[in-house]
PDB file of N, CA and C in Angstrom:
ATOM      1  N   MET A   1      17.968  18.026 -24.564  1.00  0.00           N
ATOM      2  CA  MET A   1      18.430  18.241 -25.921  1.00  0.00           C
ATOM      3  C   MET A   1      19.740  17.466 -26.102  1.00  0.00           C
ATOM      4  N   ASN A   2      19.773  16.615 -27.108  1.00  0.00           N
ATOM      5  CA  ASN A   2      20.993  15.832 -27.343  1.00  0.00           C
ATOM      6  C   ASN A   2      21.949  16.579 -28.275  1.00  0.00           C
ATOM      7  N   TYR A   3      23.107  15.975 -28.496  1.00  0.00           N
ATOM      8  CA  TYR A   3      24.150  16.629 -29.281  1.00  0.00           C
ATOM      9  C   TYR A   3      23.708  16.889 -30.719  1.00  0.00           C
ATOM     10  N   GLU A   4      23.052  15.909 -31.350  1.00  0.00           N
ATOM     11  CA  GLU A   4      22.640  16.057 -32.740  1.00  0.00           C
ATOM     12  C   GLU A   4      21.654  17.219 -32.914  1.00  0.00           C
ATOM     13  N   ALA A   5      20.705  17.330 -32.009  1.00  0.00           N
ATOM     14  CA  ALA A   5      19.726  18.405 -32.092  1.00  0.00           C
ATOM     15  C   ALA A   5      20.397  19.761 -31.868  1.00  0.00           C
ATOM     16  N   MET A   6      21.315  19.811 -30.919  1.00  0.00           N
ATOM     17  CA  MET A   6      22.012  21.061 -30.639  1.00  0.00           C
ATOM     18  C   MET A   6      22.915  21.454 -31.809  1.00  0.00           C
ATOM     19  N   ALA A   7      23.605  20.488 -32.416  1.00  0.00           N
ATOM     20  CA  ALA A   7      24.470  20.772 -33.558  1.00  0.00           C
ATOM     21  C   ALA A   7      23.639  21.251 -34.741  1.00  0.00           C
ATOM     22  N   HIS A   8      22.489  20.625 -34.975  1.00  0.00           N
ATOM     23  CA  HIS A   8      21.620  21.048 -36.073  1.00  0.00           C
ATOM     24  C   HIS A   8      21.124  22.481 -35.839  1.00  0.00           C
ATOM     25  N   PHE A   9      20.715  22.792 -34.619  1.00  0.00           N
ATOM     26  CA  PHE A   9      20.265  24.142 -34.282  1.00  0.00           C
ATOM     27  C   PHE A   9      21.385  25.157 -34.502  1.00  0.00           C
ATOM     28  N   ALA A  10      22.583  24.840 -34.039  1.00  0.00           N
ATOM     29  CA  ALA A  10      23.715  25.767 -34.173  1.00  0.00           C
ATOM     30  C   ALA A  10      24.083  25.965 -35.639  1.00  0.00           C
ATOM     31  N   GLN A  11      24.057  24.898 -36.426  1.00  0.00           N
ATOM     32  CA  GLN A  11      24.401  25.018 -37.838  1.00  0.00           C
ATOM     33  C   GLN A  11      23.364  25.835 -38.588  1.00  0.00           C
ATOM     34  N   THR A  12      22.102  25.601 -38.323  1.00  0.00           N
ATOM     35  CA  THR A  12      21.037  26.311 -39.024  1.00  0.00           C
ATOM     36  C   THR A  12      21.013  27.783 -38.649  1.00  0.00           C
ATOM     37  N   TRP A  13      20.921  28.076 -37.370  1.00  0.00           N
ATOM     38  CA  TRP A  13      20.826  29.467 -36.947  1.00  0.00           C
ATOM     39  C   TRP A  13      22.151  30.195 -37.080  1.00  0.00           C
ATOM     40  N   GLY A  14      23.254  29.481 -36.975  1.00  0.00           N
ATOM     41  CA  GLY A  14      24.560  30.093 -37.199  1.00  0.00           C
ATOM     42  C   GLY A  14      24.709  30.553 -38.635  1.00  0.00           C
ATOM     43  N   MET A  15      24.243  29.733 -39.583  1.00  0.00           N
ATOM     44  CA  MET A  15      24.310  30.106 -40.989  1.00  0.00           C
ATOM     45  C   MET A  15      23.439  31.335 -41.250  1.00  0.00           C
ATOM     46  N   ILE A  16      22.251  31.357 -40.691  1.00  0.00           N
ATOM     47  CA  ILE A  16      21.360  32.503 -40.868  1.00  0.00           C
ATOM     48  C   ILE A  16      21.985  33.758 -40.259  1.00  0.00           C
ATOM     49  N   TYR A  17      22.574  33.611 -39.081  1.00  0.00           N
ATOM     50  CA  TYR A  17      23.236  34.733 -38.407  1.00  0.00           C
ATOM     51  C   TYR A  17      24.356  35.302 -39.271  1.00  0.00           C
ATOM     52  N   PHE A  18      25.225  34.441 -39.793  1.00  0.00           N
ATOM     53  CA  PHE A  18      26.347  34.925 -40.598  1.00  0.00           C
ATOM     54  C   PHE A  18      25.887  35.466 -41.948  1.00  0.00           C
ATOM     55  N   MET A  19      24.801  34.937 -42.503  1.00  0.00           N
ATOM     56  CA  MET A  19      24.259  35.497 -43.738  1.00  0.00           C
ATOM     57  C   MET A  19      23.739  36.911 -43.495  1.00  0.00           C
ATOM     58  N   LEU A  20      23.108  37.137 -42.351  1.00  0.00           N
ATOM     59  CA  LEU A  20      22.632  38.481 -42.010  1.00  0.00           C
ATOM     60  C   LEU A  20      23.799  39.442 -41.794  1.00  0.00           C
ATOM     61  N   ILE A  21      24.846  38.977 -41.121  1.00  0.00           N
ATOM     62  CA  ILE A  21      26.040  39.806 -40.916  1.00  0.00           C
ATOM     63  C   ILE A  21      26.674  40.155 -42.265  1.00  0.00           C
ATOM     64  N   PHE A  22      26.786  39.178 -43.156  1.00  0.00           N
ATOM     65  CA  PHE A  22      27.362  39.401 -44.478  1.00  0.00           C
ATOM     66  C   PHE A  22      26.517  40.388 -45.279  1.00  0.00           C
ATOM     67  N   ALA A  23      25.199  40.221 -45.257  1.00  0.00           N
ATOM     68  CA  ALA A  23      24.310  41.135 -45.981  1.00  0.00           C
ATOM     69  C   ALA A  23      24.431  42.555 -45.431  1.00  0.00           C
ATOM     70  N   GLY A  24      24.558  42.685 -44.119  1.00  0.00           N
ATOM     71  CA  GLY A  24      24.739  44.002 -43.521  1.00  0.00           C
ATOM     72  C   GLY A  24      26.053  44.635 -43.933  1.00  0.00           C
ATOM     73  N   ALA A  25      27.122  43.845 -43.979  1.00  0.00           N
ATOM     74  CA  ALA A  25      28.428  44.373 -44.385  1.00  0.00           C
ATOM     75  C   ALA A  25      28.408  44.811 -45.846  1.00  0.00           C
ATOM     76  N   VAL A  26      27.811  44.004 -46.713  1.00  0.00           N
ATOM     77  CA  VAL A  26      27.741  44.361 -48.134  1.00  0.00           C
ATOM     78  C   VAL A  26      26.890  45.611 -48.325  1.00  0.00           C
ATOM     79  N   THR A  27      25.792  45.704 -47.597  1.00  0.00           N
ATOM     80  CA  THR A  27      24.944  46.896 -47.680  1.00  0.00           C
ATOM     81  C   THR A  27      25.714  48.130 -47.232  1.00  0.00           C
ATOM     82  N   TYR A  28      26.471  48.012 -46.145  1.00  0.00           N
ATOM     83  CA  TYR A  28      27.267  49.135 -45.647  1.00  0.00           C
ATOM     84  C   TYR A  28      28.322  49.549 -46.671  1.00  0.00           C
ATOM     85  N   ILE A  29      28.972  48.587 -47.274  1.00  0.00           N
ATOM     86  CA  ILE A  29      30.047  48.881 -48.229  1.00  0.00           C
ATOM     87  C   ILE A  29      29.512  49.597 -49.457  1.00  0.00           C
ATOM     88  N   PHE A  30      28.375  49.149 -49.982  1.00  0.00           N
ATOM     89  CA  PHE A  30      27.858  49.712 -51.220  1.00  0.00           C
ATOM     90  C   PHE A  30      26.833  50.826 -51.014  1.00  0.00           C
ATOM     91  N   TRP A  31      26.648  51.283 -49.794  1.00  0.00           N
ATOM     92  CA  TRP A  31      25.733  52.394 -49.530  1.00  0.00           C
ATOM     93  C   TRP A  31      26.303  53.656 -50.181  1.00  0.00           C
ATOM     94  N   PRO A  32      25.492  54.389 -50.951  1.00  0.00           N
ATOM     95  CA  PRO A  32      26.030  55.525 -51.713  1.00  0.00           C
ATOM     96  C   PRO A  32      26.734  56.589 -50.872  1.00  0.00           C
ATOM     97  N   SER A  33      26.280  56.844 -49.669  1.00  0.00           N
ATOM     98  CA  SER A  33      26.915  57.895 -48.870  1.00  0.00           C
ATOM     99  C   SER A  33      28.285  57.486 -48.332  1.00  0.00           C
ATOM    100  N   ASN A  34      28.650  56.219 -48.411  1.00  0.00           N
ATOM    101  CA  ASN A  34      29.959  55.757 -47.932  1.00  0.00           C
ATOM    102  C   ASN A  34      31.017  55.758 -49.023  1.00  0.00           C
ATOM    103  N   ARG A  35      30.637  56.060 -50.248  1.00  0.00           N
ATOM    104  CA  ARG A  35      31.569  55.997 -51.367  1.00  0.00           C
ATOM    105  C   ARG A  35      32.784  56.897 -51.154  1.00  0.00           C
ATOM    106  N   LYS A  36      32.571  58.139 -50.746  1.00  0.00           N
ATOM    107  CA  LYS A  36      33.671  59.097 -50.557  1.00  0.00           C
ATOM    108  C   LYS A  36      34.637  58.615 -49.475  1.00  0.00           C
ATOM    109  N   LYS A  37      34.092  58.065 -48.402  1.00  0.00           N
ATOM    110  CA  LYS A  37      34.928  57.582 -47.306  1.00  0.00           C
ATOM    111  C   LYS A  37      35.859  56.459 -47.784  1.00  0.00           C
ATOM    112  N   PHE A  38      35.322  55.524 -48.563  1.00  0.00           N
ATOM    113  CA  PHE A  38      36.132  54.405 -49.035  1.00  0.00           C
ATOM    114  C   PHE A  38      37.107  54.833 -50.130  1.00  0.00           C
ATOM    115  N   GLU A  39      36.716  55.790 -50.961  1.00  0.00           N
ATOM    116  CA  GLU A  39      37.651  56.294 -51.973  1.00  0.00           C
ATOM    117  C   GLU A  39      38.820  57.019 -51.310  1.00  0.00           C
ATOM    118  N   ASP A  40      38.533  57.810 -50.280  1.00  0.00           N
ATOM    119  CA  ASP A  40      39.606  58.494 -49.547  1.00  0.00           C
ATOM    120  C   ASP A  40      40.544  57.489 -48.878  1.00  0.00           C
ATOM    121  N   ALA A  41      39.994  56.429 -48.303  1.00  0.00           N
ATOM    122  CA  ALA A  41      40.820  55.408 -47.665  1.00  0.00           C
ATOM    123  C   ALA A  41      41.669  54.667 -48.696  1.00  0.00           C
ATOM    124  N   ALA A  42      41.104  54.403 -49.865  1.00  0.00           N
ATOM    125  CA  ALA A  42      41.845  53.688 -50.910  1.00  0.00           C
ATOM    126  C   ALA A  42      42.985  54.532 -51.469  1.00  0.00           C
ATOM    127  N   ASN A  43      42.796  55.834 -51.511  1.00  0.00           N
ATOM    128  CA  ASN A  43      43.816  56.721 -52.082  1.00  0.00           C
ATOM    129  C   ASN A  43      44.765  57.303 -51.045  1.00  0.00           C
ATOM    130  N   SER A  44      44.569  57.008 -49.787  1.00  0.00           N
ATOM    131  CA  SER A  44      45.404  57.609 -48.742  1.00  0.00           C
ATOM    132  C   SER A  44      46.894  57.265 -48.872  1.00  0.00           C
ATOM    133  N   PRO A  45      47.301  56.080 -49.314  1.00  0.00           N
ATOM    134  CA  PRO A  45      48.747  55.855 -49.463  1.00  0.00           C
ATOM    135  C   PRO A  45      49.393  56.769 -50.506  1.00  0.00           C
ATOM    136  N   PHE A  46      48.612  57.216 -51.451  1.00  0.00           N
ATOM    137  CA  PHE A  46      49.164  58.062 -52.516  1.00  0.00           C
ATOM    138  C   PHE A  46      49.163  59.536 -52.128  1.00  0.00           C
ATOM    139  N   ASN A  47      48.527  59.890 -51.032  1.00  0.00           N
ATOM    140  CA  ASN A  47      48.445  61.286 -50.605  1.00  0.00           C
ATOM    141  C   ASN A  47      49.580  61.674 -49.661  1.00  0.00           C
ATOM    142  N   GLU A  48      50.443  60.754 -49.322  1.00  0.00           N
ATOM    143  CA  GLU A  48      51.554  61.025 -48.419  1.00  0.00           C
ATOM    144  C   GLU A  48      52.596  61.878 -49.136  1.00  0.00           C
ATOM    145  N   GLU A  49      53.149  62.844 -48.418  1.00  0.00           N
ATOM    146  CA  GLU A  49      54.211  63.662 -48.990  1.00  0.00           C
ATOM    147  C   GLU A  49      55.537  62.913 -48.880  1.00  0.00           C
ATOM    148  N   LEU A  50      56.296  62.948 -49.929  1.00  0.00           N
ATOM    149  CA  LEU A  50      57.609  62.296 -49.921  1.00  0.00           C
ATOM    150  C   LEU A  50      58.665  63.302 -49.472  1.00  0.00           C
ATOM    151  N   ASP A  51      59.565  62.849 -48.614  1.00  0.00           N
ATOM    152  CA  ASP A  51      60.635  63.725 -48.118  1.00  0.00           C
ATOM    153  C   ASP A  51      61.862  63.615 -48.992  1.00  0.00           C
TER     154      ASP A  51
END
């Protein structure tokens, strides 16, 4: 296998790999059961008691 063939393979399958990772992350973020967890994390700086 020469460099050009290996680079083409890495670019093609690497793009597919990262697209799958991105789709999984977006699915995780917008999954309905995760909404409360992310809302709590977003509001946590405002829940601190001031001294």
